[in-house]
PDB file of N, CA and C in Angstrom:
ATOM      1  N   MET A   1     -10.692  11.437  13.865  1.00  0.00           N
ATOM      2  CA  MET A   1      -9.564  12.518  14.494  1.00  0.00           C
ATOM      3  C   MET A   1      -9.224  13.742  13.895  1.00  0.00           C
ATOM      4  N   PRO A   2      -9.053  14.572  14.473  1.00  0.00           N
ATOM      5  CA  PRO A   2      -8.992  16.084  14.017  1.00  0.00           C
ATOM      6  C   PRO A   2      -7.381  15.950  13.306  1.00  0.00           C
ATOM      7  N   LEU A   3      -7.060  17.308  12.460  1.00  0.00           N
ATOM      8  CA  LEU A   3      -6.027  17.858  12.399  1.00  0.00           C
ATOM      9  C   LEU A   3      -5.101  17.775  13.420  1.00  0.00           C
ATOM     10  N   ASP A   4      -3.684  17.573  12.805  1.00  0.00           N
ATOM     11  CA  ASP A   4      -2.435  17.495  14.322  1.00  0.00           C
ATOM     12  C   ASP A   4      -2.711  18.903  14.160  1.00  0.00           C
ATOM     13  N   PRO A   5      -2.500  19.459  15.372  1.00  0.00           N
ATOM     14  CA  PRO A   5      -2.080  21.257  15.193  1.00  0.00           C
ATOM     15  C   PRO A   5      -0.446  21.303  15.268  1.00  0.00           C
ATOM     16  N   GLU A   6       0.246  20.105  15.444  1.00  0.00           N
ATOM     17  CA  GLU A   6       1.675  20.362  14.890  1.00  0.00           C
ATOM     18  C   GLU A   6       1.856  20.685  13.374  1.00  0.00           C
ATOM     19  N   LEU A   7       1.189  19.736  12.666  1.00  0.00           N
ATOM     20  CA  LEU A   7       0.624  19.896  11.634  1.00  0.00           C
ATOM     21  C   LEU A   7       0.149  21.319  10.831  1.00  0.00           C
ATOM     22  N   LEU A   8      -0.996  21.262  11.529  1.00  0.00           N
ATOM     23  CA  LEU A   8      -1.371  22.965  11.201  1.00  0.00           C
ATOM     24  C   LEU A   8      -0.261  24.419  11.219  1.00  0.00           C
ATOM     25  N   LYS A   9       0.375  24.224  12.420  1.00  0.00           N
ATOM     26  CA  LYS A   9       1.291  25.169  12.563  1.00  0.00           C
ATOM     27  C   LYS A   9       2.283  25.289  11.377  1.00  0.00           C
ATOM     28  N   ILE A  10       2.404  24.310  10.402  1.00  0.00           N
ATOM     29  CA  ILE A  10       3.972  24.516   9.233  1.00  0.00           C
ATOM     30  C   ILE A  10       2.527  24.662   7.894  1.00  0.00           C
ATOM     31  N   LEU A  11       1.453  24.499   8.123  1.00  0.00           N
ATOM     32  CA  LEU A  11       0.877  24.429   6.782  1.00  0.00           C
ATOM     33  C   LEU A  11       0.406  25.484   5.823  1.00  0.00           C
ATOM     34  N   ALA A  12       1.280  25.922   4.789  1.00  0.00           N
ATOM     35  CA  ALA A  12       0.988  27.546   4.326  1.00  0.00           C
ATOM     36  C   ALA A  12       0.271  26.952   3.069  1.00  0.00           C
ATOM     37  N   CYS A  13      -0.250  27.775   2.424  1.00  0.00           N
ATOM     38  CA  CYS A  13      -0.901  27.884   0.640  1.00  0.00           C
ATOM     39  C   CYS A  13       0.037  28.298  -0.038  1.00  0.00           C
ATOM     40  N   PRO A  14      -0.081  27.077  -0.773  1.00  0.00           N
ATOM     41  CA  PRO A  14       1.139  26.694  -1.663  1.00  0.00           C
ATOM     42  C   PRO A  14       1.205  28.064  -2.987  1.00  0.00           C
ATOM     43  N   VAL A  15       0.308  28.761  -3.273  1.00  0.00           N
ATOM     44  CA  VAL A  15      -0.160  29.376  -4.116  1.00  0.00           C
ATOM     45  C   VAL A  15       0.754  31.222  -3.516  1.00  0.00           C
ATOM     46  N   CYS A  16       0.673  31.208  -2.416  1.00  0.00           N
ATOM     47  CA  CYS A  16       1.239  32.562  -1.920  1.00  0.00           C
ATOM     48  C   CYS A  16       1.599  32.749  -0.649  1.00  0.00           C
ATOM     49  N   LYS A  17       1.987  31.118  -0.140  1.00  0.00           N
ATOM     50  CA  LYS A  17       3.053  31.263   1.249  1.00  0.00           C
ATOM     51  C   LYS A  17       2.680  31.284   2.257  1.00  0.00           C
ATOM     52  N   THR A  18       0.805  31.946   2.465  1.00  0.00           N
ATOM     53  CA  THR A  18       0.505  32.256   3.572  1.00  0.00           C
ATOM     54  C   THR A  18       0.017  31.155   4.227  1.00  0.00           C
ATOM     55  N   PRO A  19       0.170  31.369   5.846  1.00  0.00           N
ATOM     56  CA  PRO A  19      -0.374  30.194   6.835  1.00  0.00           C
ATOM     57  C   PRO A  19      -1.956  30.219   6.112  1.00  0.00           C
ATOM     58  N   VAL A  20      -2.212  29.217   6.516  1.00  0.00           N
ATOM     59  CA  VAL A  20      -3.535  28.488   6.547  1.00  0.00           C
ATOM     60  C   VAL A  20      -4.066  28.306   7.746  1.00  0.00           C
ATOM     61  N   GLU A  21      -5.762  28.537   7.942  1.00  0.00           N
ATOM     62  CA  GLU A  21      -6.269  28.913   8.873  1.00  0.00           C
ATOM     63  C   GLU A  21      -7.400  27.219   8.722  1.00  0.00           C
ATOM     64  N   PHE A  22      -7.700  26.830   9.701  1.00  0.00           N
ATOM     65  CA  PHE A  22      -8.125  25.460   9.562  1.00  0.00           C
ATOM     66  C   PHE A  22      -9.785  25.611   9.924  1.00  0.00           C
ATOM     67  N   ARG A  23     -10.788  25.538   9.447  1.00  0.00           N
ATOM     68  CA  ARG A  23     -12.769  25.810   9.608  1.00  0.00           C
ATOM     69  C   ARG A  23     -12.772  24.353   9.469  1.00  0.00           C
ATOM     70  N   PRO A  24     -12.765  24.350  10.820  1.00  0.00           N
ATOM     71  CA  PRO A  24     -13.908  22.555  10.785  1.00  0.00           C
ATOM     72  C   PRO A  24     -15.413  22.176  10.490  1.00  0.00           C
ATOM     73  N   ALA A  25     -15.492  23.447  10.446  1.00  0.00           N
ATOM     74  CA  ALA A  25     -17.386  23.570  10.104  1.00  0.00           C
ATOM     75  C   ALA A  25     -17.508  23.564   8.175  1.00  0.00           C
ATOM     76  N   GLU A  26     -16.681  23.500   7.986  1.00  0.00           N
ATOM     77  CA  GLU A  26     -16.561  23.665   6.420  1.00  0.00           C
ATOM     78  C   GLU A  26     -16.083  22.781   5.865  1.00  0.00           C
ATOM     79  N   SER A  27     -14.998  22.058   7.247  1.00  0.00           N
ATOM     80  CA  SER A  27     -13.876  20.865   6.870  1.00  0.00           C
ATOM     81  C   SER A  27     -13.100  21.709   5.353  1.00  0.00           C
ATOM     82  N   VAL A  28     -12.590  23.156   5.251  1.00  0.00           N
ATOM     83  CA  VAL A  28     -11.461  23.280   4.701  1.00  0.00           C
ATOM     84  C   VAL A  28     -10.044  24.002   5.513  1.00  0.00           C
ATOM     85  N   LEU A  29      -9.198  24.225   4.874  1.00  0.00           N
ATOM     86  CA  LEU A  29      -7.856  25.147   4.684  1.00  0.00           C
ATOM     87  C   LEU A  29      -7.931  26.418   4.473  1.00  0.00           C
ATOM     88  N   ALA A  30      -8.430  28.124   4.651  1.00  0.00           N
ATOM     89  CA  ALA A  30      -8.664  28.788   4.271  1.00  0.00           C
ATOM     90  C   ALA A  30      -7.191  29.599   4.479  1.00  0.00           C
ATOM     91  N   CYS A  31      -7.478  30.603   3.399  1.00  0.00           N
ATOM     92  CA  CYS A  31      -5.411  31.419   3.044  1.00  0.00           C
ATOM     93  C   CYS A  31      -6.492  32.733   3.383  1.00  0.00           C
ATOM     94  N   ALA A  32      -6.158  33.382   3.926  1.00  0.00           N
ATOM     95  CA  ALA A  32      -6.934  34.478   3.866  1.00  0.00           C
ATOM     96  C   ALA A  32      -6.037  35.686   2.961  1.00  0.00           C
ATOM     97  N   LYS A  33      -4.710  35.774   2.541  1.00  0.00           N
ATOM     98  CA  LYS A  33      -4.234  36.406   1.600  1.00  0.00           C
ATOM     99  C   LYS A  33      -5.316  36.006   0.250  1.00  0.00           C
ATOM    100  N   CYS A  34      -4.972  34.943  -0.036  1.00  0.00           N
ATOM    101  CA  CYS A  34      -5.547  34.803  -1.571  1.00  0.00           C
ATOM    102  C   CYS A  34      -6.890  34.269  -1.900  1.00  0.00           C
ATOM    103  N   ARG A  35      -7.841  33.870  -0.121  1.00  0.00           N
ATOM    104  CA  ARG A  35      -8.262  33.409  -0.539  1.00  0.00           C
ATOM    105  C   ARG A  35      -8.881  32.305  -1.126  1.00  0.00           C
ATOM    106  N   ARG A  36      -7.781  31.509  -1.095  1.00  0.00           N
ATOM    107  CA  ARG A  36      -8.174  30.242  -1.527  1.00  0.00           C
ATOM    108  C   ARG A  36      -8.494  28.873  -0.700  1.00  0.00           C
ATOM    109  N   ARG A  37      -9.928  28.362  -0.880  1.00  0.00           N
ATOM    110  CA  ARG A  37      -9.549  27.172   0.255  1.00  0.00           C
ATOM    111  C   ARG A  37      -9.316  25.518  -0.091  1.00  0.00           C
ATOM    112  N   TYR A  38      -9.228  25.097   0.367  1.00  0.00           N
ATOM    113  CA  TYR A  38      -8.231  23.577   0.423  1.00  0.00           C
ATOM    114  C   TYR A  38      -9.472  22.683   1.415  1.00  0.00           C
ATOM    115  N   ALA A  39      -9.525  21.926   0.077  1.00  0.00           N
ATOM    116  CA  ALA A  39     -10.800  20.710   0.869  1.00  0.00           C
ATOM    117  C   ALA A  39     -10.028  19.805   1.870  1.00  0.00           C
ATOM    118  N   VAL A  40     -10.715  19.725   3.067  1.00  0.00           N
ATOM    119  CA  VAL A  40     -10.077  18.726   4.266  1.00  0.00           C
ATOM    120  C   VAL A  40     -11.273  17.195   4.397  1.00  0.00           C
ATOM    121  N   LYS A  41     -10.771  16.330   3.790  1.00  0.00           N
ATOM    122  CA  LYS A  41     -11.209  14.947   3.496  1.00  0.00           C
ATOM    123  C   LYS A  41     -10.921  14.043   4.367  1.00  0.00           C
ATOM    124  N   ASP A  42     -11.907  13.315   5.120  1.00  0.00           N
ATOM    125  CA  ASP A  42     -11.074  12.093   6.006  1.00  0.00           C
ATOM    126  C   ASP A  42      -9.664  12.696   6.565  1.00  0.00           C
ATOM    127  N   ASP A  43      -9.733  13.911   7.206  1.00  0.00           N
ATOM    128  CA  ASP A  43      -8.644  14.375   7.866  1.00  0.00           C
ATOM    129  C   ASP A  43      -7.496  14.565   7.261  1.00  0.00           C
ATOM    130  N   ILE A  44      -7.397  14.807   6.083  1.00  0.00           N
ATOM    131  CA  ILE A  44      -6.573  14.476   4.947  1.00  0.00           C
ATOM    132  C   ILE A  44      -6.658  16.392   4.691  1.00  0.00           C
ATOM    133  N   PRO A  45      -5.807  17.431   4.229  1.00  0.00           N
ATOM    134  CA  PRO A  45      -5.895  18.230   3.703  1.00  0.00           C
ATOM    135  C   PRO A  45      -5.332  17.368   2.297  1.00  0.00           C
ATOM    136  N   ASN A  46      -6.338  18.438   1.180  1.00  0.00           N
ATOM    137  CA  ASN A  46      -5.401  18.607  -0.656  1.00  0.00           C
ATOM    138  C   ASN A  46      -5.446  20.094  -0.614  1.00  0.00           C
ATOM    139  N   MET A  47      -3.943  20.120  -0.629  1.00  0.00           N
ATOM    140  CA  MET A  47      -3.342  21.287  -0.852  1.00  0.00           C
ATOM    141  C   MET A  47      -2.963  21.380  -2.368  1.00  0.00           C
ATOM    142  N   LEU A  48      -3.576  20.726  -3.135  1.00  0.00           N
ATOM    143  CA  LEU A  48      -3.012  20.847  -4.608  1.00  0.00           C
ATOM    144  C   LEU A  48      -3.907  22.125  -5.212  1.00  0.00           C
ATOM    145  N   PRO A  49      -3.035  23.025  -5.707  1.00  0.00           N
ATOM    146  CA  PRO A  49      -3.757  24.456  -6.191  1.00  0.00           C
ATOM    147  C   PRO A  49      -4.847  24.223  -7.126  1.00  0.00           C
ATOM    148  N   GLU A  50      -4.309  23.634  -7.787  1.00  0.00           N
ATOM    149  CA  GLU A  50      -5.373  23.132  -9.249  1.00  0.00           C
ATOM    150  C   GLU A  50      -6.791  22.968  -8.510  1.00  0.00           C
ATOM    151  N   GLU A  51      -7.039  22.210  -7.551  1.00  0.00           N
ATOM    152  CA  GLU A  51      -8.219  21.824  -7.219  1.00  0.00           C
ATOM    153  C   GLU A  51      -9.037  22.397  -5.651  1.00  0.00           C
ATOM    154  N   ALA A  52      -7.976  24.012  -5.367  1.00  0.00           N
ATOM    155  CA  ALA A  52      -8.543  24.646  -3.895  1.00  0.00           C
ATOM    156  C   ALA A  52      -9.824  25.518  -4.883  1.00  0.00           C
ATOM    157  N   ALA A  53     -10.631  25.924  -3.961  1.00  0.00           N
ATOM    158  CA  ALA A  53     -11.887  26.608  -4.475  1.00  0.00           C
ATOM    159  C   ALA A  53     -11.316  27.734  -4.580  1.00  0.00           C
ATOM    160  N   LEU A  54     -11.178  28.649  -5.507  1.00  0.00           N
ATOM    161  CA  LEU A  54     -11.019  29.930  -5.673  1.00  0.00           C
ATOM    162  C   LEU A  54     -12.471  30.926  -5.360  1.00  0.00           C
ATOM    163  N   PRO A  55     -12.039  32.119  -4.950  1.00  0.00           N
ATOM    164  CA  PRO A  55     -12.417  33.187  -4.245  1.00  0.00           C
ATOM    165  C   PRO A  55     -13.762  33.949  -5.521  1.00  0.00           C
ATOM    166  N   PRO A  56     -14.959  33.927  -5.293  1.00  0.00           N
ATOM    167  CA  PRO A  56     -16.275  34.267  -6.281  1.00  0.00           C
ATOM    168  C   PRO A  56     -14.892  35.483  -6.748  1.00  0.00           C
ATOM    169  N   GLU A  57     -15.525  35.965  -7.875  1.00  0.00           N
ATOM    170  CA  GLU A  57     -15.167  37.097  -8.817  1.00  0.00           C
ATOM    171  C   GLU A  57     -16.021  38.323  -8.344  1.00  0.00           C
ATOM    172  N   GLY A  58     -15.091  39.457  -8.431  1.00  0.00           N
ATOM    173  CA  GLY A  58     -15.636  40.621  -8.188  1.00  0.00           C
ATOM    174  C   GLY A  58     -15.643  40.840  -6.587  1.00  0.00           C
TER     175      GLY A  58
END
């Protein structure tokens, strides 16, 4: 079951409060502003900042 479109409308990055974009091919929610990526496993987003993938340096 894919992520609920209504849920996607209200989800925002917990760090910078920017709306996130679901990228199903990567199974992540991506933030365009701070570039963090939040994993989605079994259609459940993990929005914990300390577990987010950070953008590469440089």
